[in-house]
N, C-alpha and C. Protein backbone atom coordinates (compact mmCIF):
# COMPACT_ATOMS: atom_id res chain seq x y z
N MET A 1 137.35 61.26 113.26
CA MET A 1 137.62 62.58 113.77
C MET A 1 136.78 62.86 115.01
N ASP A 2 135.48 62.43 114.99
CA ASP A 2 134.60 62.71 116.12
C ASP A 2 135.05 62.00 117.39
N GLN A 3 135.63 60.83 117.26
CA GLN A 3 136.03 60.08 118.45
C GLN A 3 137.28 60.67 119.09
N ALA A 4 138.02 61.45 118.37
CA ALA A 4 139.24 62.04 118.91
C ALA A 4 138.94 63.29 119.74
N LEU A 5 137.74 63.87 119.57
CA LEU A 5 137.39 65.09 120.30
C LEU A 5 136.71 64.74 121.61
N THR A 6 137.13 65.33 122.66
CA THR A 6 136.46 65.19 123.95
C THR A 6 136.28 66.57 124.54
N CYS A 7 135.15 66.77 125.19
CA CYS A 7 134.85 68.05 125.82
C CYS A 7 135.04 67.89 127.32
N SER A 8 135.89 68.68 127.87
CA SER A 8 136.13 68.59 129.31
C SER A 8 135.75 69.88 130.04
N SER A 9 135.10 70.81 129.33
CA SER A 9 134.77 72.09 129.95
C SER A 9 133.42 72.08 130.65
N GLY A 10 132.56 71.13 130.38
CA GLY A 10 131.25 71.13 131.01
C GLY A 10 130.59 69.78 130.90
N TYR A 11 129.39 69.69 131.43
CA TYR A 11 128.66 68.43 131.35
C TYR A 11 127.18 68.76 131.20
N VAL A 12 126.43 67.81 130.74
CA VAL A 12 125.00 67.97 130.53
C VAL A 12 124.29 67.17 131.61
N GLN A 13 123.39 67.83 132.30
CA GLN A 13 122.63 67.15 133.34
C GLN A 13 121.16 67.38 133.07
N LEU A 14 120.40 66.32 133.00
CA LEU A 14 118.96 66.42 132.83
C LEU A 14 118.33 66.73 134.16
N GLY A 15 117.18 67.39 134.10
CA GLY A 15 116.48 67.75 135.33
C GLY A 15 115.77 66.56 135.93
N SER A 16 114.87 66.86 136.79
CA SER A 16 114.12 65.84 137.51
C SER A 16 113.17 65.11 136.57
N VAL A 17 113.10 63.82 136.72
CA VAL A 17 112.18 63.01 135.90
C VAL A 17 110.74 63.33 136.28
N ARG A 18 110.51 63.63 137.55
CA ARG A 18 109.16 63.97 138.00
C ARG A 18 108.68 65.26 137.34
N ARG A 19 109.56 66.27 137.20
CA ARG A 19 109.19 67.51 136.51
C ARG A 19 108.92 67.28 135.03
N LEU A 20 109.65 66.35 134.44
CA LEU A 20 109.41 66.00 133.04
C LEU A 20 108.01 65.44 132.88
N TRP A 21 107.59 64.55 133.76
CA TRP A 21 106.25 63.98 133.69
C TRP A 21 105.18 65.04 133.94
N TYR A 22 105.41 65.96 134.88
CA TYR A 22 104.46 67.05 135.11
C TYR A 22 104.31 67.92 133.85
N THR A 23 105.42 68.23 133.23
CA THR A 23 105.38 69.05 132.02
C THR A 23 104.64 68.33 130.90
N LEU A 24 104.89 67.05 130.73
CA LEU A 24 104.18 66.28 129.71
C LEU A 24 102.69 66.21 130.00
N CYS A 25 102.31 66.04 131.26
CA CYS A 25 100.89 65.99 131.63
C CYS A 25 100.20 67.33 131.37
N VAL A 26 100.87 68.42 131.73
CA VAL A 26 100.29 69.74 131.49
C VAL A 26 100.14 69.99 129.99
N CYS A 27 101.14 69.63 129.22
CA CYS A 27 101.09 69.81 127.77
C CYS A 27 99.96 69.00 127.14
N CYS A 28 99.86 67.74 127.50
CA CYS A 28 98.81 66.88 126.93
C CYS A 28 97.42 67.32 127.37
N SER A 29 97.27 67.76 128.62
CA SER A 29 95.96 68.22 129.06
C SER A 29 95.57 69.52 128.36
N CYS A 30 96.50 70.41 128.10
CA CYS A 30 96.19 71.64 127.36
C CYS A 30 95.77 71.33 125.93
N ILE A 31 96.44 70.38 125.31
CA ILE A 31 96.06 69.97 123.96
C ILE A 31 94.66 69.36 123.97
N GLY A 32 94.37 68.53 124.96
CA GLY A 32 93.05 67.91 125.07
C GLY A 32 91.95 68.94 125.29
N VAL A 33 92.18 69.90 126.17
CA VAL A 33 91.18 70.94 126.43
C VAL A 33 90.96 71.79 125.17
N ALA A 34 92.02 72.14 124.47
CA ALA A 34 91.87 72.93 123.25
C ALA A 34 91.12 72.15 122.17
N TYR A 35 91.38 70.86 122.06
CA TYR A 35 90.69 70.04 121.07
C TYR A 35 89.20 69.93 121.38
N VAL A 36 88.88 69.67 122.65
CA VAL A 36 87.47 69.52 123.04
C VAL A 36 86.72 70.84 122.88
N SER A 37 87.34 71.95 123.26
CA SER A 37 86.65 73.24 123.14
C SER A 37 86.44 73.62 121.67
N ALA A 38 87.37 73.27 120.81
CA ALA A 38 87.20 73.57 119.38
C ALA A 38 86.13 72.70 118.76
N ARG A 39 86.00 71.48 119.21
CA ARG A 39 85.00 70.57 118.65
C ARG A 39 83.60 70.88 119.16
N GLN A 40 83.47 71.49 120.32
CA GLN A 40 82.16 71.75 120.89
C GLN A 40 81.49 72.96 120.26
N ARG A 41 82.28 73.90 119.79
CA ARG A 41 81.72 75.08 119.16
C ARG A 41 81.37 74.75 117.71
N ALA A 42 80.10 74.72 117.42
CA ALA A 42 79.66 74.46 116.05
C ALA A 42 79.57 75.81 115.32
N THR A 43 80.49 76.05 114.44
CA THR A 43 80.50 77.31 113.71
C THR A 43 80.07 77.07 112.27
N THR A 44 79.23 77.95 111.80
CA THR A 44 78.84 77.90 110.40
C THR A 44 79.56 79.04 109.69
N PRO A 45 80.03 78.81 108.49
CA PRO A 45 80.74 79.88 107.79
C PRO A 45 79.79 81.03 107.46
N SER A 46 80.32 82.24 107.49
CA SER A 46 79.49 83.40 107.19
C SER A 46 79.06 83.41 105.73
N SER A 47 79.88 82.85 104.86
CA SER A 47 79.54 82.77 103.45
C SER A 47 80.36 81.65 102.80
N LEU A 48 79.75 80.98 101.87
CA LEU A 48 80.47 79.95 101.14
C LEU A 48 81.30 80.55 100.01
N PHE A 49 81.10 81.84 99.74
CA PHE A 49 81.87 82.52 98.70
C PHE A 49 83.30 82.82 99.15
N LEU A 50 83.46 83.28 100.39
CA LEU A 50 84.75 83.78 100.84
C LEU A 50 85.65 82.67 101.37
N SER A 51 86.92 82.77 101.04
CA SER A 51 87.91 81.87 101.64
C SER A 51 88.23 82.39 103.03
N SER A 52 89.06 81.66 103.76
CA SER A 52 89.38 82.10 105.12
C SER A 52 90.15 83.42 105.11
N ALA A 53 91.02 83.61 104.13
CA ALA A 53 91.74 84.89 104.04
C ALA A 53 90.77 86.03 103.76
N GLY A 54 89.83 85.81 102.88
CA GLY A 54 88.84 86.83 102.58
C GLY A 54 87.93 87.12 103.76
N LYS A 55 87.62 86.10 104.52
CA LYS A 55 86.74 86.27 105.68
C LYS A 55 87.38 87.14 106.74
N TYR A 56 88.66 86.91 107.02
CA TYR A 56 89.31 87.61 108.12
C TYR A 56 90.02 88.89 107.68
N MET A 57 90.37 89.03 106.43
CA MET A 57 91.13 90.20 105.99
C MET A 57 90.26 91.28 105.34
N LEU A 58 89.12 90.91 104.80
CA LEU A 58 88.27 91.88 104.13
C LEU A 58 87.11 92.26 105.04
N ARG A 59 86.64 93.47 104.87
CA ARG A 59 85.56 93.98 105.71
C ARG A 59 84.22 93.77 105.01
N THR A 60 83.32 93.12 105.70
CA THR A 60 81.96 92.95 105.19
C THR A 60 81.02 93.82 106.01
N HIS A 61 79.88 94.11 105.43
CA HIS A 61 78.87 94.93 106.10
C HIS A 61 77.60 94.10 106.23
N LYS A 62 76.90 94.26 107.34
CA LYS A 62 75.68 93.50 107.58
C LYS A 62 74.46 94.40 107.42
N TYR A 63 73.43 93.81 106.83
CA TYR A 63 72.13 94.46 106.75
C TYR A 63 71.08 93.36 106.73
N ASN A 64 70.16 93.41 107.67
CA ASN A 64 69.10 92.39 107.82
C ASN A 64 69.67 90.98 107.91
N GLY A 65 70.76 90.82 108.62
CA GLY A 65 71.35 89.49 108.83
C GLY A 65 72.10 88.94 107.63
N LEU A 66 72.31 89.74 106.62
CA LEU A 66 73.00 89.30 105.41
C LEU A 66 74.28 90.10 105.24
N ASP A 67 75.38 89.41 104.94
CA ASP A 67 76.66 90.09 104.74
C ASP A 67 76.75 90.61 103.31
N TYR A 68 77.34 91.79 103.18
CA TYR A 68 77.58 92.40 101.87
C TYR A 68 79.05 92.74 101.75
N ILE A 69 79.58 92.65 100.54
CA ILE A 69 80.96 93.03 100.27
C ILE A 69 80.96 93.87 98.99
N ASP A 70 81.78 94.91 98.97
CA ASP A 70 81.81 95.75 97.77
C ASP A 70 82.52 95.02 96.63
N LYS A 71 82.33 95.51 95.42
CA LYS A 71 82.83 94.79 94.24
C LYS A 71 84.35 94.72 94.19
N ALA A 72 85.04 95.76 94.62
CA ALA A 72 86.51 95.74 94.60
C ALA A 72 87.05 94.71 95.58
N SER A 73 86.48 94.66 96.77
CA SER A 73 86.91 93.65 97.75
C SER A 73 86.53 92.26 97.28
N GLY A 74 85.40 92.14 96.62
CA GLY A 74 85.00 90.85 96.06
C GLY A 74 85.97 90.37 95.00
N LEU A 75 86.47 91.30 94.20
CA LEU A 75 87.45 90.94 93.18
C LEU A 75 88.76 90.48 93.82
N MET A 76 89.16 91.14 94.92
CA MET A 76 90.37 90.70 95.63
C MET A 76 90.16 89.33 96.26
N ALA A 77 88.92 88.99 96.60
CA ALA A 77 88.63 87.68 97.19
C ALA A 77 88.39 86.62 96.12
N GLY A 78 88.47 87.00 94.84
CA GLY A 78 88.30 86.03 93.77
C GLY A 78 86.88 85.92 93.26
N LEU A 79 86.06 86.94 93.50
CA LEU A 79 84.67 86.95 93.04
C LEU A 79 84.51 88.01 91.97
N VAL A 80 84.39 87.59 90.73
CA VAL A 80 84.17 88.52 89.62
C VAL A 80 82.66 88.64 89.45
N SER A 81 82.14 89.85 89.62
CA SER A 81 80.68 90.02 89.62
C SER A 81 80.24 90.93 88.49
N LEU A 82 79.05 90.66 88.01
CA LEU A 82 78.41 91.48 87.00
C LEU A 82 76.96 91.68 87.44
N GLN A 83 76.58 92.93 87.63
CA GLN A 83 75.21 93.21 88.06
C GLN A 83 74.33 93.35 86.83
N TRP A 84 73.26 92.58 86.83
CA TRP A 84 72.32 92.62 85.72
C TRP A 84 71.09 93.40 86.15
N HIS A 85 70.99 94.63 85.70
CA HIS A 85 69.95 95.58 86.09
C HIS A 85 69.86 95.64 87.61
N ALA A 86 68.69 95.58 88.17
CA ALA A 86 68.54 95.60 89.63
C ALA A 86 68.10 94.24 90.14
N HIS A 87 68.06 93.26 89.26
CA HIS A 87 67.51 91.96 89.65
C HIS A 87 68.49 91.11 90.44
N GLY A 88 69.76 91.18 90.11
CA GLY A 88 70.72 90.34 90.82
C GLY A 88 72.11 90.43 90.24
N PHE A 89 72.96 89.57 90.74
CA PHE A 89 74.36 89.54 90.35
C PHE A 89 74.70 88.19 89.74
N TYR A 90 75.49 88.22 88.69
CA TYR A 90 76.14 87.02 88.19
C TYR A 90 77.55 87.04 88.76
N VAL A 91 77.89 86.01 89.50
CA VAL A 91 79.18 85.97 90.20
C VAL A 91 79.96 84.77 89.71
N PHE A 92 81.20 85.02 89.28
CA PHE A 92 82.11 83.94 88.90
C PHE A 92 83.14 83.82 90.00
N ASP A 93 83.19 82.66 90.64
CA ASP A 93 84.14 82.39 91.72
C ASP A 93 85.39 81.78 91.09
N ILE A 94 86.48 82.55 91.07
CA ILE A 94 87.72 82.11 90.42
C ILE A 94 88.33 80.92 91.14
N LYS A 95 88.21 80.90 92.47
CA LYS A 95 88.86 79.84 93.25
C LYS A 95 88.23 78.48 92.99
N LYS A 96 86.91 78.45 92.85
CA LYS A 96 86.20 77.18 92.70
C LYS A 96 85.68 76.94 91.29
N TRP A 97 85.89 77.89 90.41
CA TRP A 97 85.43 77.82 89.03
C TRP A 97 83.93 77.55 88.97
N ARG A 98 83.18 78.36 89.72
CA ARG A 98 81.73 78.26 89.72
C ARG A 98 81.14 79.56 89.22
N PHE A 99 80.07 79.44 88.48
CA PHE A 99 79.34 80.60 87.99
C PHE A 99 77.97 80.57 88.65
N LEU A 100 77.66 81.60 89.44
CA LEU A 100 76.44 81.61 90.23
C LEU A 100 75.62 82.86 89.95
N TYR A 101 74.33 82.74 90.20
CA TYR A 101 73.45 83.89 90.15
C TYR A 101 72.94 84.15 91.56
N VAL A 102 73.10 85.38 92.03
CA VAL A 102 72.65 85.76 93.37
C VAL A 102 71.60 86.85 93.20
N ALA A 103 70.38 86.56 93.64
CA ALA A 103 69.31 87.55 93.54
C ALA A 103 69.61 88.71 94.49
N SER A 104 69.29 89.90 94.04
CA SER A 104 69.55 91.10 94.82
C SER A 104 68.37 91.34 95.76
N PRO A 105 68.59 91.26 97.08
CA PRO A 105 67.48 91.51 98.01
C PRO A 105 67.21 93.01 98.12
N GLU A 106 66.08 93.34 98.70
CA GLU A 106 65.75 94.74 98.93
C GLU A 106 66.72 95.31 99.95
N ALA A 107 67.45 96.34 99.56
CA ALA A 107 68.44 96.94 100.44
C ALA A 107 68.50 98.44 100.16
N PRO A 108 68.95 99.22 101.15
CA PRO A 108 69.07 100.66 100.91
C PRO A 108 70.14 100.99 99.88
N GLY A 109 70.23 102.25 99.52
CA GLY A 109 71.09 102.71 98.44
C GLY A 109 72.55 102.33 98.56
N ARG A 110 73.11 102.37 99.77
CA ARG A 110 74.54 102.08 99.88
C ARG A 110 74.86 100.61 99.66
N PHE A 111 73.86 99.73 99.76
CA PHE A 111 74.06 98.31 99.51
C PHE A 111 73.60 97.90 98.11
N ALA A 112 73.14 98.85 97.31
CA ALA A 112 72.57 98.52 96.00
C ALA A 112 73.60 97.91 95.06
N HIS A 113 74.86 98.32 95.15
CA HIS A 113 75.89 97.81 94.26
C HIS A 113 76.86 96.87 94.95
N ALA A 114 76.54 96.44 96.15
CA ALA A 114 77.40 95.51 96.89
C ALA A 114 76.94 94.07 96.63
N ILE A 115 77.85 93.13 96.71
CA ILE A 115 77.55 91.72 96.45
C ILE A 115 76.99 91.10 97.73
N PRO A 116 75.76 90.57 97.70
CA PRO A 116 75.24 89.90 98.89
C PRO A 116 75.89 88.52 99.03
N LEU A 117 76.36 88.21 100.21
CA LEU A 117 77.02 86.93 100.47
C LEU A 117 76.04 86.02 101.20
N ARG A 118 75.34 85.23 100.43
CA ARG A 118 74.38 84.30 101.03
C ARG A 118 75.09 83.03 101.44
N HIS A 119 74.46 82.28 102.35
CA HIS A 119 75.04 81.01 102.81
C HIS A 119 74.93 79.97 101.73
């Protein structure tokens, strides 16, 4: 059936071969520059507790160089926390199945019930 059909209404013409090579060179050089710039920036994660979705979608608060997250946001990020008196938090990370103890640093009242996100 395919061999019986012929199209006589138009034709396909490729552009210049030189423009094709220019486009390929520009594309490859952009990929190379992006790769090198991404590899040169050494980034450390803000917390080993948060996943990438939790890092970019949830709001953390800083105090003395330490990130804090409230308990409801921590639960949405997969961190089930239990505060034991004022000494610290027991945190169960659902994503990694880890049970951790995080000591509560000295912080003002609004950070007293927030989960400290240590490195």
